[in-house]
Amino acid sequence: MEKPTTYSYTISYEPMTDNMSSELVESMEKAQAIALKGKDQGLKQLRKLSKKHPGHPQFGNYLTVWYSVRGNVKKAREVNRQILQKHPDYLFAKVNLAHEYLDRDQPEKVVELLGDAIEIKQIYPEKEKFHITEIASLLKLAIAYFIKTKDLQEAKTRLDMLDELDWVDREEIEEYEITLMQAKMAELPFFNRKESPFSVNTNPQPQTTKTEPPVFHHREVAELY
C-alpha cells in the first residue's frame, strides 16, 4: 500500500524490494529476526550476513539492534558509526547518531547532520518515495529534538503527523503526549519558581535554657526523651 501525502513524496507501507533479489530479501528478514531475539549465537550469524552483503547497510543496522537488545549501547553506537563511515547517506544510521547527540545534550550536531528542519525531503530532495519506517523514525527523532530545544509547538506538529501515519502503537503515541505535556508544564512560571509555594517554615525554633527534663506521666515517653 502506498499513501500520498500533502508533501512532495509518497509513503510505502509495503517492503521496498523492487530492486532486490529474493535471496537478499530472505537474508534481511532472517537478520531482522536474529537481531530482535538478541541471542548469543546471533552475533556470529549477523556478522556472517553482513560480510556476505557488504553493499547493504541494513545488515550493519540489524547488528546495532542486536547490541541494543542486549543492553550494550556503547557497542551499538560504535557499530553505527562504522556504518556511517561506509554508507554516509544511510538514514537509519544518521537517525541513530542523532539520538546519540541528543543523549549527549548536543542538539546543534543534529542540525549539522540532518538540517534545521529535520525533514525527509530536506535530507533526500531527489527521492519521491519513502518507506513508512523511514518517515516514522525521522518523526520520532524530530519530536525528541524539538522537545530538547523547547520548540514545543513544532514537537506537537510532528507528533500529530506521526499519529496520522497509523503505524505507531497508540501506547507509544500516548507516551510521547505525556512527555510533551511534562515539557510544557516545566515551561510554566509556577513550576520554575526557585521557592515552592508549599515550602515548609525554615525559621529557627526558639531555644530553651532549661536543663531539667519535664515531667512525663508514662515511663516509655520518659525513656524516649
Protein backbone atom coordinates (compact mmCIF):
# COMPACT_ATOMS: atom_id res chain seq x y z
CA MET A 1 0.00 0.00 0.00
CA GLU A 2 1.15 3.49 -0.83
CA LYS A 3 -0.14 6.59 0.88
CA PRO A 4 0.01 10.01 -0.79
CA THR A 5 0.85 12.94 1.47
CA THR A 6 0.43 16.69 1.44
CA TYR A 7 4.17 16.82 0.79
CA SER A 8 6.00 16.06 -2.43
CA TYR A 9 6.54 12.36 -1.74
CA THR A 10 4.70 9.08 -1.33
CA ILE A 11 4.85 6.73 1.66
CA SER A 12 5.06 2.98 1.05
CA TYR A 13 3.67 0.63 3.68
CA GLU A 14 4.98 -2.42 1.83
CA PRO A 15 8.61 -3.62 1.70
CA MET A 16 10.50 -1.67 -0.95
CA THR A 17 12.25 -4.67 -2.50
CA ASP A 18 11.78 -3.99 -6.23
CA ASN A 19 15.49 -3.98 -6.98
CA MET A 20 16.42 -6.77 -4.56
CA SER A 21 16.88 -10.45 -5.27
CA SER A 22 14.74 -12.96 -3.39
CA GLU A 23 17.91 -14.21 -1.67
CA LEU A 24 18.72 -10.71 -0.39
CA VAL A 25 15.19 -10.16 0.88
CA GLU A 26 15.25 -13.52 2.66
CA SER A 27 18.61 -12.68 4.24
CA MET A 28 17.27 -9.35 5.52
CA GLU A 29 14.22 -10.98 7.04
CA LYS A 30 16.45 -13.54 8.71
CA ALA A 31 18.80 -10.85 10.04
CA GLN A 32 15.90 -8.86 11.47
CA ALA A 33 14.55 -11.88 13.34
CA ILE A 34 18.01 -12.70 14.72
CA ALA A 35 18.58 -9.10 15.86
CA LEU A 36 15.27 -8.83 17.71
CA LYS A 37 15.85 -12.10 19.59
CA GLY A 38 19.28 -10.96 20.82
CA LYS A 39 20.58 -14.48 21.42
CA ASP A 40 24.28 -15.25 21.90
CA GLN A 41 24.71 -17.04 18.58
CA GLY A 42 23.14 -14.11 16.79
CA LEU A 43 26.37 -12.10 16.75
CA LYS A 44 28.19 -14.63 14.59
CA GLN A 45 25.20 -15.04 12.27
CA LEU A 46 24.76 -11.29 11.76
CA ARG A 47 28.44 -10.75 11.10
CA LYS A 48 28.33 -13.51 8.51
CA LEU A 49 25.33 -12.00 6.77
CA SER A 50 26.85 -8.52 6.85
CA LYS A 51 30.06 -9.83 5.29
CA LYS A 52 28.05 -11.63 2.61
CA HIS A 53 26.20 -8.40 1.67
CA PRO A 54 28.76 -5.58 2.15
CA GLY A 55 26.88 -3.14 -0.03
CA HIS A 56 23.76 -3.16 2.13
CA PRO A 57 23.97 -1.18 5.40
CA GLN A 58 20.75 -2.79 6.66
CA PHE A 59 22.75 -5.75 7.95
CA GLY A 60 25.00 -3.49 9.98
CA ASN A 61 21.91 -1.77 11.33
CA TYR A 62 20.50 -5.13 12.45
CA LEU A 63 23.76 -5.66 14.30
CA THR A 64 23.25 -2.40 16.20
CA VAL A 65 19.73 -3.62 17.04
CA TRP A 66 21.19 -6.88 18.37
CA TYR A 67 23.58 -4.98 20.65
CA SER A 68 20.78 -2.67 21.79
CA VAL A 69 18.51 -5.59 22.64
CA ARG A 70 21.31 -6.97 24.80
CA GLY A 71 21.76 -3.60 26.52
CA ASN A 72 25.19 -2.85 25.05
CA VAL A 73 24.55 0.73 23.94
CA LYS A 74 28.25 1.57 23.67
CA LYS A 75 28.90 -1.20 21.15
CA ALA A 76 25.71 -0.41 19.24
CA ARG A 77 26.88 3.18 18.79
CA GLU A 78 30.34 2.04 17.76
CA VAL A 79 28.91 -0.20 15.02
CA ASN A 80 26.56 2.58 13.91
CA ARG A 81 29.48 4.94 13.38
CA GLN A 82 31.21 2.28 11.32
CA ILE A 83 28.10 2.02 9.14
CA LEU A 84 28.13 5.79 8.55
CA GLN A 85 31.77 5.70 7.51
CA LYS A 86 30.94 3.17 4.78
CA HIS A 87 27.42 4.42 3.96
CA PRO A 88 27.25 8.13 4.87
CA ASP A 89 23.83 8.54 3.24
CA TYR A 90 22.06 5.76 5.16
CA LEU A 91 19.11 7.31 7.01
CA PHE A 92 18.77 4.91 9.94
CA ALA A 93 22.45 5.30 10.84
CA LYS A 94 22.02 9.08 10.72
CA VAL A 95 18.96 8.89 12.95
CA ASN A 96 20.79 6.64 15.42
CA LEU A 97 23.70 9.08 15.58
CA ALA A 98 21.30 12.00 16.04
CA HIS A 99 19.72 10.26 19.04
CA GLU A 100 23.21 9.83 20.47
CA TYR A 101 23.80 13.57 20.06
CA LEU A 102 20.57 14.31 21.93
CA ASP A 103 21.57 11.93 24.73
CA ARG A 104 24.84 13.85 24.98
CA ASP A 105 22.94 17.17 25.06
CA GLN A 106 24.36 18.24 21.67
CA PRO A 107 21.28 19.22 19.63
CA GLU A 108 23.35 21.55 17.46
CA LYS A 109 25.07 18.49 15.98
CA VAL A 110 21.69 17.09 14.97
CA VAL A 111 21.19 20.15 12.77
CA GLU A 112 24.65 19.69 11.27
CA LEU A 113 23.78 16.09 10.47
CA LEU A 114 20.17 16.36 9.26
CA GLY A 115 19.43 20.04 8.63
CA ASP A 116 17.47 22.52 10.70
CA ALA A 117 14.03 21.29 9.54
CA ILE A 118 14.63 17.63 10.41
CA GLU A 119 12.51 16.78 7.37
CA ILE A 120 12.89 13.85 4.96
CA LYS A 121 12.84 15.86 1.71
CA GLN A 122 15.46 18.22 3.05
CA ILE A 123 17.75 15.23 3.53
CA TYR A 124 16.86 13.45 0.27
CA PRO A 125 15.49 16.10 -2.13
CA GLU A 126 15.72 13.80 -5.17
CA LYS A 127 13.68 10.90 -3.77
CA GLU A 128 9.96 10.66 -4.43
CA LYS A 129 9.00 7.65 -2.31
CA PHE A 130 9.96 6.60 1.22
CA HIS A 131 9.16 3.63 3.39
CA ILE A 132 6.93 4.14 6.40
CA THR A 133 9.73 3.11 8.77
CA GLU A 134 11.93 5.89 7.40
CA ILE A 135 9.25 8.53 7.93
CA ALA A 136 8.31 7.26 11.40
CA SER A 137 11.91 7.04 12.64
CA LEU A 138 12.67 10.58 11.50
CA LEU A 139 9.47 11.94 13.05
CA LYS A 140 10.32 10.33 16.38
CA LEU A 141 13.74 11.93 16.25
CA ALA A 142 12.22 15.31 15.35
CA ILE A 143 9.85 15.11 18.32
CA ALA A 144 12.77 14.40 20.65
CA TYR A 145 14.86 17.16 19.08
CA PHE A 146 12.19 19.86 19.31
CA ILE A 147 11.36 18.92 22.89
CA LYS A 148 15.06 19.14 23.72
CA THR A 149 15.31 22.59 22.09
CA LYS A 150 11.99 23.68 23.69
CA ASP A 151 10.20 24.24 20.40
CA LEU A 152 7.11 22.52 21.80
CA GLN A 153 4.72 23.69 19.09
CA GLU A 154 6.86 22.07 16.40
CA ALA A 155 7.17 18.94 18.55
CA LYS A 156 3.36 18.79 18.73
CA THR A 157 3.10 19.19 14.95
CA ARG A 158 5.46 16.26 14.37
CA LEU A 159 3.61 14.17 16.94
CA ASP A 160 0.34 14.80 15.12
CA MET A 161 2.00 13.73 11.88
CA LEU A 162 3.28 10.55 13.50
CA ASP A 163 -0.17 9.75 14.84
CA GLU A 164 -1.76 10.30 11.42
CA LEU A 165 0.52 7.70 9.86
CA ASP A 166 -1.47 4.99 11.64
CA TRP A 167 1.72 2.98 12.09
CA VAL A 168 2.86 3.53 15.67
CA ASP A 169 1.07 1.85 18.58
CA ARG A 170 -1.37 4.08 20.47
CA GLU A 171 0.54 3.38 23.68
CA GLU A 172 3.72 4.84 22.21
CA ILE A 173 1.83 7.91 20.98
CA GLU A 174 0.44 8.42 24.48
CA GLU A 175 3.95 8.21 25.94
CA TYR A 176 5.04 10.99 23.60
CA GLU A 177 1.99 13.02 24.60
CA ILE A 178 2.89 12.65 28.28
CA THR A 179 6.49 13.68 27.63
CA LEU A 180 5.31 16.71 25.68
CA MET A 181 2.87 17.67 28.43
CA GLN A 182 5.62 17.42 31.04
CA ALA A 183 7.83 19.65 28.89
CA LYS A 184 5.04 22.23 28.64
CA MET A 185 4.47 22.17 32.41
CA ALA A 186 8.18 22.68 33.01
CA GLU A 187 7.95 25.91 30.99
CA LEU A 188 5.21 27.41 33.18
CA PRO A 189 6.37 30.15 35.62
CA PHE A 190 4.71 28.34 38.51
CA PHE A 191 7.00 25.33 38.04
CA ASN A 192 10.09 27.47 37.51
CA ARG A 193 9.89 29.25 40.88
CA LYS A 194 13.00 28.81 42.97
CA GLU A 195 10.86 28.65 46.08
CA SER A 196 8.00 26.22 46.24
CA PRO A 197 4.62 27.68 47.28
CA PHE A 198 4.35 24.67 49.55
CA SER A 199 7.73 25.08 51.26
CA VAL A 200 7.90 24.45 54.97
CA ASN A 201 8.80 27.06 57.57
CA THR A 202 12.57 27.03 57.95
CA ASN A 203 12.78 29.75 60.63
CA PRO A 204 14.96 28.65 63.58
CA GLN A 205 12.99 27.31 66.51
CA PRO A 206 13.22 29.12 69.88
CA GLN A 207 15.89 27.75 72.17
CA THR A 208 15.45 26.96 75.86
CA THR A 209 17.90 27.28 78.74
CA LYS A 210 16.21 24.61 80.83
CA THR A 211 18.38 21.64 81.74
CA GLU A 212 15.85 19.66 83.76
CA PRO A 213 13.56 17.32 81.81
CA PRO A 214 9.80 17.88 82.04
CA VAL A 215 7.60 15.52 84.00
CA PHE A 216 6.15 12.69 81.89
CA HIS A 217 3.25 10.54 83.04
CA HIS A 218 4.33 7.48 81.00
CA ARG A 219 7.61 5.68 81.53
CA GLU A 220 8.02 4.88 77.80
CA VAL A 221 7.85 8.55 76.85
CA ALA A 222 10.35 9.46 79.54
CA GLU A 223 12.77 6.83 78.20
CA LEU A 224 12.42 8.18 74.67
CA TYR A 225 13.10 11.73 75.92
